Amino acid sequence: MKLVQQFTKGILRENPILIIMLGLCAALACSTNATDALGMGIAFSFVMTCSNVVIALIRKWVPGQIRIPVFITIISTFVTIVDYTMKAYAPLLSRSLGVFVPLIVVNCIVMGRAEAFASKNSVPASLLDGMGMSVGFTLIITLIGAIREVLGNGTVFGQILLPASYQPFLFFILPPGAFLVIGFLMAAQKRLFQKGGAK
């Protein structure tokens, strides 16, 4: 049961964007549409899950004085893999996400979970923690991207959703629109768990 909780906590109760409020730079910059947001979520998930597992595997052999450089080297290896893979197989997405894929290496969520969790826990627990945080990040960033794309362009994943008469609200394509969407999602999440706690 404890391992299941390691997975589920990252989805809503400790969601990296809505609760911990880390990784907001990527969430704001890469969520102008649902496709870019999902692409960023998948790239992040690969790095987060793989680095958590490797750090948990080697944690007993890494001296405390050099753990941060070692963690950064591991994370940057997986970032390089995902960056080059994206450039080879999804060049349009790679160009659209730009510098934000390489910047996963300094993403506070990845480094924070490596330091606070993977370096202190077993491989199965670290795997589930990484997967849970990844799912939570990907779901929320994709939801933000979909909301912004629908309101700002009338489409979702590039498909026309609203009638031709719809006047796009361009505010939502701009960074302030992302802040507004994240704010409403945070409020909705808080309301949901307040109701759950009251019951």
N, C-alpha and C. Protein backbone atom coordinates (compact mmCIF):
# COMPACT_ATOMS: atom_id res chain seq x y z
N MET A 1 0.83 -1.21 0.00
CA MET A 1 0.00 0.00 0.00
C MET A 1 0.87 1.26 0.00
N LYS A 2 2.00 1.18 0.73
CA LYS A 2 2.87 2.35 0.82
C LYS A 2 3.44 2.70 -0.56
N LEU A 3 3.80 1.67 -1.36
CA LEU A 3 4.35 1.91 -2.69
C LEU A 3 3.32 2.56 -3.60
N VAL A 4 2.06 2.17 -3.47
CA VAL A 4 1.00 2.79 -4.26
C VAL A 4 0.89 4.27 -3.92
N GLN A 5 1.00 4.59 -2.65
CA GLN A 5 0.95 6.00 -2.22
C GLN A 5 2.12 6.79 -2.76
N GLN A 6 3.28 6.13 -2.91
CA GLN A 6 4.44 6.82 -3.49
C GLN A 6 4.13 7.28 -4.91
N PHE A 7 3.34 6.48 -5.63
CA PHE A 7 2.98 6.84 -7.00
C PHE A 7 1.89 7.91 -7.03
N THR A 8 0.83 7.71 -6.26
CA THR A 8 -0.34 8.60 -6.37
C THR A 8 -0.12 9.98 -5.79
N LYS A 9 0.80 10.13 -4.84
CA LYS A 9 0.97 11.44 -4.19
C LYS A 9 1.40 12.52 -5.17
N GLY A 10 2.17 12.17 -6.19
CA GLY A 10 2.65 13.16 -7.15
C GLY A 10 1.61 13.64 -8.13
N ILE A 11 0.49 12.93 -8.20
CA ILE A 11 -0.52 13.29 -9.19
C ILE A 11 -1.35 14.48 -8.73
N LEU A 12 -1.82 14.46 -7.48
CA LEU A 12 -2.61 15.60 -7.00
C LEU A 12 -2.14 16.14 -5.66
N ARG A 13 -1.96 15.28 -4.67
CA ARG A 13 -1.66 15.77 -3.32
C ARG A 13 -0.31 16.47 -3.21
N GLU A 14 0.67 16.06 -4.02
CA GLU A 14 1.97 16.73 -4.04
C GLU A 14 2.34 17.09 -5.48
N ASN A 15 1.34 17.49 -6.25
CA ASN A 15 1.60 17.82 -7.66
C ASN A 15 2.70 18.87 -7.77
N PRO A 16 3.72 18.60 -8.62
CA PRO A 16 4.84 19.54 -8.69
C PRO A 16 4.48 20.95 -9.13
N ILE A 17 3.46 21.10 -9.96
CA ILE A 17 3.07 22.43 -10.44
C ILE A 17 2.06 23.08 -9.50
N LEU A 18 1.01 22.36 -9.14
CA LEU A 18 -0.09 22.98 -8.39
C LEU A 18 0.18 23.10 -6.89
N ILE A 19 0.96 22.18 -6.32
CA ILE A 19 1.17 22.17 -4.87
C ILE A 19 2.58 22.62 -4.50
N ILE A 20 3.58 21.93 -5.04
CA ILE A 20 4.96 22.27 -4.70
C ILE A 20 5.40 23.54 -5.43
N MET A 21 4.76 23.83 -6.55
CA MET A 21 5.02 25.03 -7.35
C MET A 21 6.46 25.12 -7.83
N LEU A 22 6.97 23.98 -8.32
CA LEU A 22 8.28 23.93 -8.94
C LEU A 22 8.11 23.65 -10.43
N GLY A 23 9.11 24.00 -11.22
CA GLY A 23 9.03 23.76 -12.66
C GLY A 23 8.07 24.68 -13.37
N LEU A 24 7.75 25.82 -12.75
CA LEU A 24 6.79 26.74 -13.36
C LEU A 24 7.31 27.39 -14.63
N CYS A 25 8.63 27.53 -14.74
CA CYS A 25 9.21 28.13 -15.94
C CYS A 25 8.82 27.32 -17.17
N ALA A 26 9.03 26.01 -17.11
CA ALA A 26 8.65 25.14 -18.22
C ALA A 26 7.14 25.10 -18.40
N ALA A 27 6.40 25.10 -17.30
CA ALA A 27 4.94 25.05 -17.38
C ALA A 27 4.37 26.28 -18.07
N LEU A 28 4.98 27.44 -17.84
CA LEU A 28 4.52 28.68 -18.46
C LEU A 28 4.95 28.77 -19.91
N ALA A 29 6.21 28.44 -20.18
CA ALA A 29 6.76 28.66 -21.52
C ALA A 29 6.34 27.60 -22.54
N CYS A 30 6.10 26.38 -22.09
CA CYS A 30 5.84 25.28 -23.03
C CYS A 30 4.38 24.85 -23.06
N SER A 31 3.49 25.69 -22.57
CA SER A 31 2.08 25.29 -22.53
C SER A 31 1.19 26.21 -23.36
N THR A 32 1.74 26.82 -24.42
CA THR A 32 0.90 27.67 -25.27
C THR A 32 -0.07 26.83 -26.08
N ASN A 33 0.25 25.56 -26.28
CA ASN A 33 -0.70 24.64 -26.92
C ASN A 33 -0.50 23.24 -26.33
N ALA A 34 -1.49 22.39 -26.54
CA ALA A 34 -1.50 21.07 -25.91
C ALA A 34 -0.39 20.17 -26.44
N THR A 35 -0.05 20.28 -27.72
CA THR A 35 0.98 19.43 -28.31
C THR A 35 2.35 19.69 -27.69
N ASP A 36 2.72 20.97 -27.60
CA ASP A 36 4.00 21.32 -26.99
C ASP A 36 4.03 20.91 -25.52
N ALA A 37 2.92 21.12 -24.83
CA ALA A 37 2.85 20.78 -23.40
C ALA A 37 3.02 19.29 -23.19
N LEU A 38 2.35 18.48 -24.01
CA LEU A 38 2.47 17.02 -23.89
C LEU A 38 3.89 16.57 -24.22
N GLY A 39 4.49 17.17 -25.25
CA GLY A 39 5.87 16.84 -25.60
C GLY A 39 6.82 17.14 -24.46
N MET A 40 6.65 18.29 -23.83
CA MET A 40 7.49 18.64 -22.69
C MET A 40 7.25 17.68 -21.54
N GLY A 41 5.99 17.31 -21.32
CA GLY A 41 5.67 16.37 -20.24
C GLY A 41 6.33 15.01 -20.44
N ILE A 42 6.35 14.53 -21.68
CA ILE A 42 6.97 13.23 -21.98
C ILE A 42 8.48 13.31 -21.78
N ALA A 43 9.09 14.40 -22.28
CA ALA A 43 10.54 14.58 -22.10
C ALA A 43 10.89 14.63 -20.62
N PHE A 44 10.13 15.41 -19.86
CA PHE A 44 10.35 15.53 -18.42
C PHE A 44 10.19 14.17 -17.73
N SER A 45 9.17 13.42 -18.12
CA SER A 45 8.89 12.12 -17.49
C SER A 45 10.05 11.15 -17.67
N PHE A 46 10.62 11.12 -18.88
CA PHE A 46 11.75 10.23 -19.13
C PHE A 46 12.92 10.58 -18.22
N VAL A 47 13.25 11.86 -18.18
CA VAL A 47 14.40 12.31 -17.36
C VAL A 47 14.13 12.06 -15.88
N MET A 48 12.96 12.42 -15.42
CA MET A 48 12.62 12.29 -14.00
C MET A 48 12.67 10.84 -13.53
N THR A 49 12.02 9.95 -14.28
CA THR A 49 11.94 8.56 -13.87
C THR A 49 13.30 7.87 -13.95
N CYS A 50 14.01 8.05 -15.06
CA CYS A 50 15.31 7.39 -15.22
C CYS A 50 16.34 7.89 -14.21
N SER A 51 16.39 9.19 -14.00
CA SER A 51 17.38 9.73 -13.05
C SER A 51 17.06 9.29 -11.62
N ASN A 52 15.79 9.24 -11.26
CA ASN A 52 15.42 8.75 -9.92
C ASN A 52 15.92 7.33 -9.70
N VAL A 53 15.72 6.47 -10.70
CA VAL A 53 16.12 5.06 -10.58
C VAL A 53 17.63 4.93 -10.45
N VAL A 54 18.37 5.61 -11.33
CA VAL A 54 19.84 5.50 -11.30
C VAL A 54 20.41 6.06 -10.00
N ILE A 55 19.88 7.18 -9.54
CA ILE A 55 20.37 7.79 -8.29
C ILE A 55 20.08 6.87 -7.10
N ALA A 56 18.90 6.23 -7.10
CA ALA A 56 18.59 5.28 -6.03
C ALA A 56 19.52 4.06 -6.08
N LEU A 57 19.90 3.65 -7.29
CA LEU A 57 20.80 2.50 -7.45
C LEU A 57 22.19 2.76 -6.88
N ILE A 58 22.70 3.98 -7.08
CA ILE A 58 24.09 4.26 -6.71
C ILE A 58 24.21 5.04 -5.39
N ARG A 59 23.11 5.30 -4.73
CA ARG A 59 23.11 6.22 -3.58
C ARG A 59 24.08 5.80 -2.48
N LYS A 60 24.28 4.51 -2.27
CA LYS A 60 25.14 4.06 -1.18
C LYS A 60 26.63 4.23 -1.50
N TRP A 61 26.96 4.41 -2.77
CA TRP A 61 28.37 4.51 -3.17
C TRP A 61 28.81 5.95 -3.47
N VAL A 62 27.88 6.88 -3.40
CA VAL A 62 28.22 8.27 -3.70
C VAL A 62 28.54 9.02 -2.42
N PRO A 63 29.77 9.51 -2.27
CA PRO A 63 30.10 10.30 -1.07
C PRO A 63 29.24 11.56 -0.97
N GLY A 64 28.86 11.91 0.22
CA GLY A 64 27.98 13.06 0.43
C GLY A 64 28.53 14.36 -0.11
N GLN A 65 29.87 14.52 -0.10
CA GLN A 65 30.49 15.78 -0.53
C GLN A 65 30.34 16.03 -2.03
N ILE A 66 30.18 14.95 -2.81
CA ILE A 66 30.10 15.14 -4.27
C ILE A 66 28.75 14.71 -4.85
N ARG A 67 27.76 14.52 -3.98
CA ARG A 67 26.49 13.99 -4.47
C ARG A 67 25.81 14.92 -5.49
N ILE A 68 25.84 16.23 -5.27
CA ILE A 68 25.16 17.16 -6.18
C ILE A 68 25.77 17.12 -7.58
N PRO A 69 27.12 17.21 -7.74
CA PRO A 69 27.69 17.08 -9.09
C PRO A 69 27.37 15.74 -9.75
N VAL A 70 27.35 14.67 -8.94
CA VAL A 70 27.02 13.35 -9.49
C VAL A 70 25.57 13.33 -9.97
N PHE A 71 24.66 13.87 -9.17
CA PHE A 71 23.24 13.91 -9.56
C PHE A 71 23.06 14.72 -10.85
N ILE A 72 23.73 15.86 -10.93
CA ILE A 72 23.60 16.71 -12.12
C ILE A 72 24.13 15.99 -13.36
N THR A 73 25.22 15.25 -13.19
CA THR A 73 25.79 14.49 -14.33
C THR A 73 24.80 13.43 -14.80
N ILE A 74 24.18 12.72 -13.86
CA ILE A 74 23.20 11.69 -14.22
C ILE A 74 22.00 12.32 -14.92
N ILE A 75 21.48 13.38 -14.35
CA ILE A 75 20.31 14.06 -14.94
C ILE A 75 20.64 14.59 -16.33
N SER A 76 21.82 15.22 -16.48
CA SER A 76 22.18 15.80 -17.77
C SER A 76 22.38 14.72 -18.84
N THR A 77 22.79 13.52 -18.43
CA THR A 77 22.91 12.41 -19.39
C THR A 77 21.56 12.06 -19.98
N PHE A 78 20.55 11.95 -19.13
CA PHE A 78 19.21 11.62 -19.62
C PHE A 78 18.59 12.78 -20.41
N VAL A 79 18.91 14.01 -20.02
CA VAL A 79 18.44 15.17 -20.77
C VAL A 79 19.04 15.16 -22.17
N THR A 80 20.31 14.84 -22.29
CA THR A 80 20.97 14.77 -23.59
C THR A 80 20.33 13.69 -24.46
N ILE A 81 20.04 12.54 -23.87
CA ILE A 81 19.39 11.45 -24.61
C ILE A 81 18.04 11.91 -25.17
N VAL A 82 17.21 12.51 -24.32
CA VAL A 82 15.88 12.92 -24.76
C VAL A 82 15.95 14.08 -25.75
N ASP A 83 16.91 14.99 -25.56
CA ASP A 83 17.06 16.13 -26.46
C ASP A 83 17.46 15.66 -27.86
N TYR A 84 18.46 14.78 -27.95
CA TYR A 84 18.91 14.29 -29.26
C TYR A 84 17.87 13.40 -29.93
N THR A 85 17.17 12.61 -29.13
CA THR A 85 16.10 11.77 -29.68
C THR A 85 14.99 12.63 -30.27
N MET A 86 14.63 13.68 -29.55
CA MET A 86 13.60 14.59 -30.03
C MET A 86 14.03 15.30 -31.31
N LYS A 87 15.29 15.73 -31.36
CA LYS A 87 15.80 16.39 -32.57
C LYS A 87 15.79 15.46 -33.77
N ALA A 88 16.04 14.17 -33.51
CA ALA A 88 16.07 13.19 -34.61
C ALA A 88 14.69 12.77 -35.07
N TYR A 89 13.76 12.55 -34.15
CA TYR A 89 12.47 11.97 -34.50
C TYR A 89 11.29 12.93 -34.42
N ALA A 90 11.45 14.06 -33.76
CA ALA A 90 10.37 15.05 -33.68
C ALA A 90 10.97 16.45 -33.79
N PRO A 91 11.58 16.77 -34.96
CA PRO A 91 12.30 18.04 -35.09
C PRO A 91 11.42 19.27 -34.91
N LEU A 92 10.16 19.19 -35.35
CA LEU A 92 9.27 20.35 -35.21
C LEU A 92 8.99 20.62 -33.73
N LEU A 93 8.73 19.57 -32.99
CA LEU A 93 8.49 19.71 -31.55
C LEU A 93 9.75 20.21 -30.85
N SER A 94 10.90 19.68 -31.27
CA SER A 94 12.17 20.10 -30.68
C SER A 94 12.42 21.59 -30.89
N ARG A 95 12.13 22.08 -32.12
CA ARG A 95 12.30 23.50 -32.39
C ARG A 95 11.31 24.34 -31.61
N SER A 96 10.10 23.83 -31.45
CA SER A 96 9.07 24.56 -30.74
C SER A 96 9.40 24.70 -29.24
N LEU A 97 9.92 23.62 -28.65
CA LEU A 97 10.26 23.66 -27.23
C LEU A 97 11.59 24.38 -26.98
N GLY A 98 12.45 24.38 -27.98
CA GLY A 98 13.69 25.14 -27.93
C GLY A 98 14.58 24.78 -26.75
N VAL A 99 15.01 25.80 -26.05
CA VAL A 99 15.99 25.65 -24.97
C VAL A 99 15.41 24.99 -23.73
N PHE A 100 14.09 24.87 -23.66
CA PHE A 100 13.48 24.36 -22.43
C PHE A 100 13.68 22.87 -22.23
N VAL A 101 13.99 22.12 -23.29
CA VAL A 101 14.34 20.70 -23.10
C VAL A 101 15.71 20.57 -22.43
N PRO A 102 16.77 21.21 -22.96
CA PRO A 102 18.05 21.15 -22.24
C PRO A 102 17.98 21.70 -20.82
N LEU A 103 17.08 22.64 -20.58
CA LEU A 103 16.97 23.23 -19.25
C LEU A 103 16.32 22.30 -18.22
N ILE A 104 15.84 21.14 -18.66
CA ILE A 104 15.31 20.17 -17.69
C ILE A 104 16.39 19.79 -16.68
N VAL A 105 17.66 19.87 -17.11
CA VAL A 105 18.76 19.50 -16.22
C VAL A 105 18.80 20.35 -14.95
N VAL A 106 18.31 21.58 -15.03
CA VAL A 106 18.29 22.44 -13.84
C VAL A 106 16.87 22.63 -13.29
N ASN A 107 15.95 21.80 -13.75
CA ASN A 107 14.58 21.87 -13.26
C ASN A 107 14.55 21.49 -11.78
N CYS A 108 13.95 22.34 -10.98
CA CYS A 108 13.93 22.15 -9.52
C CYS A 108 13.24 20.85 -9.11
N ILE A 109 12.27 20.42 -9.88
CA ILE A 109 11.54 19.19 -9.52
C ILE A 109 12.49 18.00 -9.59
N VAL A 110 13.21 17.89 -10.72
CA VAL A 110 14.10 16.74 -10.92
C VAL A 110 15.20 16.72 -9.87
N MET A 111 15.86 17.86 -9.70
CA MET A 111 16.96 17.93 -8.72
C MET A 111 16.44 17.77 -7.30
N GLY A 112 15.28 18.35 -7.03
CA GLY A 112 14.69 18.26 -5.70
C GLY A 112 14.33 16.83 -5.32
N ARG A 113 13.74 16.08 -6.24
CA ARG A 113 13.37 14.70 -5.95
C ARG A 113 14.60 13.81 -5.84
N ALA A 114 15.64 14.13 -6.63
CA ALA A 114 16.89 13.37 -6.53
C ALA A 114 17.49 13.53 -5.14
N GLU A 115 17.53 14.77 -4.66
CA GLU A 115 18.14 15.06 -3.36
C GLU A 115 17.26 14.62 -2.20
N ALA A 116 15.97 14.92 -2.29
CA ALA A 116 15.08 14.68 -1.15
C ALA A 116 14.55 13.26 -1.08
N PHE A 117 14.47 12.57 -2.22
CA PHE A 117 13.83 11.25 -2.18
C PHE A 117 14.72 10.13 -2.70
N ALA A 118 15.16 10.20 -3.97
CA ALA A 118 15.88 9.08 -4.58
C ALA A 118 17.18 8.76 -3.85
N SER A 119 17.85 9.78 -3.33
CA SER A 119 19.13 9.55 -2.65
C SER A 119 18.97 8.92 -1.27
N LYS A 120 17.71 8.76 -0.82
CA LYS A 120 17.46 8.24 0.52
C LYS A 120 16.56 7.01 0.54
N ASN A 121 16.05 6.60 -0.64
CA ASN A 121 15.07 5.52 -0.68
C ASN A 121 15.46 4.43 -1.67
N SER A 122 14.71 3.33 -1.62
CA SER A 122 14.99 2.17 -2.46
C SER A 122 14.64 2.44 -3.93
N VAL A 123 15.10 1.55 -4.80
CA VAL A 123 14.83 1.69 -6.24
C VAL A 123 13.33 1.61 -6.55
N PRO A 124 12.59 0.62 -6.02
CA PRO A 124 11.14 0.58 -6.33
C PRO A 124 10.41 1.85 -5.88
N ALA A 125 10.72 2.32 -4.67
CA ALA A 125 10.06 3.53 -4.18
C ALA A 125 10.44 4.75 -5.02
N SER A 126 11.70 4.83 -5.42
CA SER A 126 12.17 5.96 -6.24
C SER A 126 11.56 5.92 -7.64
N LEU A 127 11.42 4.71 -8.18
CA LEU A 127 10.77 4.54 -9.48
C LEU A 127 9.33 5.04 -9.43
N LEU A 128 8.59 4.61 -8.42
CA LEU A 128 7.19 5.02 -8.30
C LEU A 128 7.06 6.52 -8.00
N ASP A 129 7.99 7.05 -7.20
CA ASP A 129 7.99 8.49 -6.93
C ASP A 129 8.22 9.27 -8.23
N GLY A 130 9.22 8.84 -9.00
CA GLY A 130 9.51 9.50 -10.28
C GLY A 130 8.34 9.41 -11.25
N MET A 131 7.72 8.24 -11.32
CA MET A 131 6.58 8.07 -12.22
C MET A 131 5.39 8.92 -11.78
N GLY A 132 5.13 8.96 -10.47
CA GLY A 132 4.01 9.74 -9.95
C GLY A 132 4.19 11.23 -10.21
N MET A 133 5.40 11.75 -9.91
CA MET A 133 5.68 13.16 -10.19
C MET A 133 5.59 13.46 -11.68
N SER A 134 6.05 12.51 -12.50
CA SER A 134 6.01 12.68 -13.95
C SER A 134 4.58 12.74 -14.48
N VAL A 135 3.75 11.82 -13.99
CA VAL A 135 2.34 11.81 -14.42
C VAL A 135 1.65 13.09 -13.97
N GLY A 136 1.90 13.51 -12.73
CA GLY A 136 1.30 14.75 -12.23
C GLY A 136 1.72 15.95 -13.04
N PHE A 137 3.01 16.07 -13.34
CA PHE A 137 3.52 17.18 -14.15
C PHE A 137 2.92 17.15 -15.55
N THR A 138 2.93 15.97 -16.19
CA THR A 138 2.45 15.85 -17.57
C THR A 138 0.96 16.14 -17.67
N LEU A 139 0.18 15.62 -16.74
CA LEU A 139 -1.27 15.87 -16.77
C LEU A 139 -1.58 17.36 -16.65
N ILE A 140 -0.94 18.02 -15.70
CA ILE A 140 -1.25 19.43 -15.46
C ILE A 140 -0.74 20.33 -16.58
N ILE A 141 0.50 20.09 -17.05
CA ILE A 141 1.02 20.96 -18.11
C ILE A 141 0.21 20.77 -19.40
N THR A 142 -0.24 19.52 -19.66
CA THR A 142 -1.05 19.27 -20.86
C THR A 142 -2.43 19.91 -20.70
N LEU A 143 -2.99 19.83 -19.51
CA LEU A 143 -4.28 20.49 -19.26
C LEU A 143 -4.17 22.00 -19.43
N ILE A 144 -3.09 22.58 -18.90
CA ILE A 144 -2.86 24.03 -19.07
C ILE A 144 -2.75 24.37 -20.55
N GLY A 145 -1.97 23.56 -21.29
CA GLY A 145 -1.80 23.80 -22.72
C GLY A 145 -3.10 23.68 -23.49
N ALA A 146 -3.92 22.68 -23.13
CA ALA A 146 -5.20 22.50 -23.82
C ALA A 146 -6.15 23.67 -23.55
N ILE A 147 -6.23 24.10 -22.30
CA ILE A 147 -7.11 25.23 -21.96
C ILE A 147 -6.66 26.49 -22.69
N ARG A 148 -5.35 26.76 -22.67
CA ARG A 148 -4.83 27.96 -23.34
C ARG A 148 -5.06 27.89 -24.85
N GLU A 149 -4.87 26.71 -25.43
CA GLU A 149 -5.06 26.58 -26.88
C GLU A 149 -6.52 26.75 -27.27
N VAL A 150 -7.42 26.15 -26.48
CA VAL A 150 -8.86 26.28 -26.80
C VAL A 150 -9.31 27.73 -26.69
N LEU A 151 -8.97 28.38 -25.59
CA LEU A 151 -9.41 29.76 -25.38
C LEU A 151 -8.68 30.75 -26.28
N GLY A 152 -7.41 30.48 -26.55
CA GLY A 152 -6.62 31.43 -27.33
C GLY A 152 -6.62 31.21 -28.82
N ASN A 153 -7.05 30.01 -29.26
CA ASN A 153 -7.00 29.72 -30.69
C ASN A 153 -8.22 28.96 -31.20
N GLY A 154 -9.02 28.41 -30.30
CA GLY A 154 -10.21 27.65 -30.72
C GLY A 154 -9.91 26.24 -31.16
N THR A 155 -8.68 25.76 -30.90
CA THR A 155 -8.29 24.41 -31.29
C THR A 155 -7.75 23.66 -30.08
N VAL A 156 -7.61 22.34 -30.22
CA VAL A 156 -6.93 21.53 -29.21
C VAL A 156 -6.18 20.44 -29.96
N PHE A 157 -4.89 20.29 -29.65
CA PHE A 157 -3.98 19.42 -30.40
C PHE A 157 -4.04 19.71 -31.90
N GLY A 158 -4.23 20.98 -32.23
CA GLY A 158 -4.26 21.41 -33.62
C GLY A 158 -5.58 21.18 -34.34
N GLN A 159 -6.53 20.53 -33.69
CA GLN A 159 -7.83 20.24 -34.29
C GLN A 159 -8.83 21.33 -33.91
N ILE A 160 -9.59 21.81 -34.91
CA ILE A 160 -10.58 22.86 -34.65
C ILE A 160 -11.66 22.32 -33.72
N LEU A 161 -11.87 23.03 -32.64
CA LEU A 161 -12.83 22.59 -31.63
C LEU A 161 -14.04 23.51 -31.58
N LEU A 162 -13.81 24.81 -31.72
CA LEU A 162 -14.88 25.79 -31.62
C LEU A 162 -15.29 26.27 -33.01
N PRO A 163 -16.52 26.75 -33.17
CA PRO A 163 -16.99 27.19 -34.49
C PRO A 163 -16.18 28.36 -35.04
N ALA A 164 -16.28 28.57 -36.35
CA ALA A 164 -15.51 29.63 -37.01
C ALA A 164 -15.88 31.02 -36.49
N SER A 165 -17.06 31.15 -35.93
CA SER A 165 -17.50 32.44 -35.40
C SER A 165 -16.80 32.81 -34.09
N TYR A 166 -16.12 31.85 -33.47
CA TYR A 166 -15.46 32.10 -32.19
C TYR A 166 -14.31 33.10 -32.37
N GLN A 167 -14.29 34.11 -31.52
CA GLN A 167 -13.22 35.10 -31.52
C GLN A 167 -12.16 34.70 -30.50
N PRO A 168 -10.97 34.27 -30.95
CA PRO A 168 -9.95 33.80 -30.01
C PRO A 168 -9.58 34.87 -28.98
N PHE A 169 -9.40 34.44 -27.76
CA PHE A 169 -9.00 35.32 -26.67
C PHE A 169 -7.48 35.21 -26.55
N LEU A 170 -6.75 36.03 -27.31
CA LEU A 170 -5.30 35.92 -27.45
C LEU A 170 -4.55 36.08 -26.13
N PHE A 171 -5.20 36.67 -25.15
CA PHE A 171 -4.59 36.83 -23.83
C PHE A 171 -4.06 35.50 -23.30
N PHE A 172 -4.78 34.40 -23.59
CA PHE A 172 -4.41 33.10 -23.04
C PHE A 172 -3.19 32.48 -23.72
N ILE A 173 -2.82 32.96 -24.89
CA ILE A 173 -1.61 32.49 -25.55
C ILE A 173 -0.37 33.16 -24.93
N LEU A 174 -0.56 34.32 -24.32
CA LEU A 174 0.53 35.08 -23.73
C LEU A 174 0.83 34.59 -22.30
N PRO A 175 2.03 34.88 -21.77
CA PRO A 175 2.40 34.41 -20.42
C PRO A 175 1.39 34.75 -19.32
N PRO A 176 0.78 35.95 -19.31
CA PRO A 176 -0.22 36.20 -18.25
C PRO A 176 -1.39 35.22 -18.27
N GLY A 177 -1.73 34.75 -19.47
CA GLY A 177 -2.80 33.75 -19.59
C GLY A 177 -2.44 32.46 -18.88
N ALA A 178 -1.15 32.08 -18.98
CA ALA A 178 -0.69 30.86 -18.30
C ALA A 178 -0.80 31.01 -16.78
N PHE A 179 -0.41 32.17 -16.27
CA PHE A 179 -0.53 32.43 -14.83
C PHE A 179 -1.98 32.32 -14.38
N LEU A 180 -2.88 32.88 -15.17
CA LEU A 180 -4.29 32.85 -14.82
C LEU A 180 -4.83 31.42 -14.80
N VAL A 181 -4.49 30.64 -15.81
CA VAL A 181 -4.96 29.25 -15.88
C VAL A 181 -4.41 28.45 -14.70
N ILE A 182 -3.10 28.60 -14.41
CA ILE A 182 -2.51 27.90 -13.28
C ILE A 182 -3.19 28.31 -11.97
N GLY A 183 -3.49 29.59 -11.83
CA GLY A 183 -4.18 30.07 -10.63
C GLY A 183 -5.54 29.43 -10.43
N PHE A 184 -6.33 29.34 -11.52
CA PHE A 184 -7.65 28.71 -11.42
C PHE A 184 -7.52 27.21 -11.12
N LEU A 185 -6.53 26.54 -11.72
CA LEU A 185 -6.33 25.11 -11.44
C LEU A 185 -5.90 24.88 -10.00
N MET A 186 -5.05 25.78 -9.48
CA MET A 186 -4.65 25.68 -8.07
C MET A 186 -5.85 25.83 -7.14
N ALA A 187 -6.71 26.79 -7.47
CA ALA A 187 -7.91 27.02 -6.66
C ALA A 187 -8.83 25.81 -6.71
N ALA A 188 -8.99 25.23 -7.91
CA ALA A 188 -9.86 24.06 -8.08
C ALA A 188 -9.30 22.87 -7.30
N GLN A 189 -7.98 22.67 -7.36
CA GLN A 189 -7.36 21.57 -6.63
C GLN A 189 -7.53 21.74 -5.13
N LYS A 190 -7.33 22.96 -4.66
CA LYS A 190 -7.47 23.23 -3.22
C LYS A 190 -8.91 22.99 -2.77
N ARG A 191 -9.84 23.45 -3.56
CA ARG A 191 -11.26 23.25 -3.25
C ARG A 191 -11.61 21.76 -3.19
N LEU A 192 -11.08 21.01 -4.15
CA LEU A 192 -11.34 19.57 -4.22
C LEU A 192 -10.87 18.86 -2.96
N PHE A 193 -9.66 19.17 -2.51
CA PHE A 193 -9.11 18.48 -1.35
C PHE A 193 -9.68 19.02 -0.03
N GLN A 194 -10.15 20.26 -0.01
CA GLN A 194 -10.83 20.77 1.18
C GLN A 194 -12.13 20.02 1.39
N LYS A 195 -12.85 19.79 0.26
CA LYS A 195 -14.12 19.05 0.34
C LYS A 195 -13.87 17.61 0.79
N GLY A 196 -12.80 17.01 0.22
CA GLY A 196 -12.45 15.65 0.59
C GLY A 196 -12.10 15.52 2.06
N GLY A 197 -11.36 16.53 2.58
CA GLY A 197 -10.97 16.54 3.99
C GLY A 197 -12.16 16.73 4.91
N ALA A 198 -13.13 17.55 4.46
CA ALA A 198 -14.32 17.80 5.29
C ALA A 198 -15.15 16.54 5.44
N LYS A 199 -15.21 15.70 4.38
CA LYS A 199 -16.00 14.49 4.45
C LYS A 199 -15.34 13.48 5.38
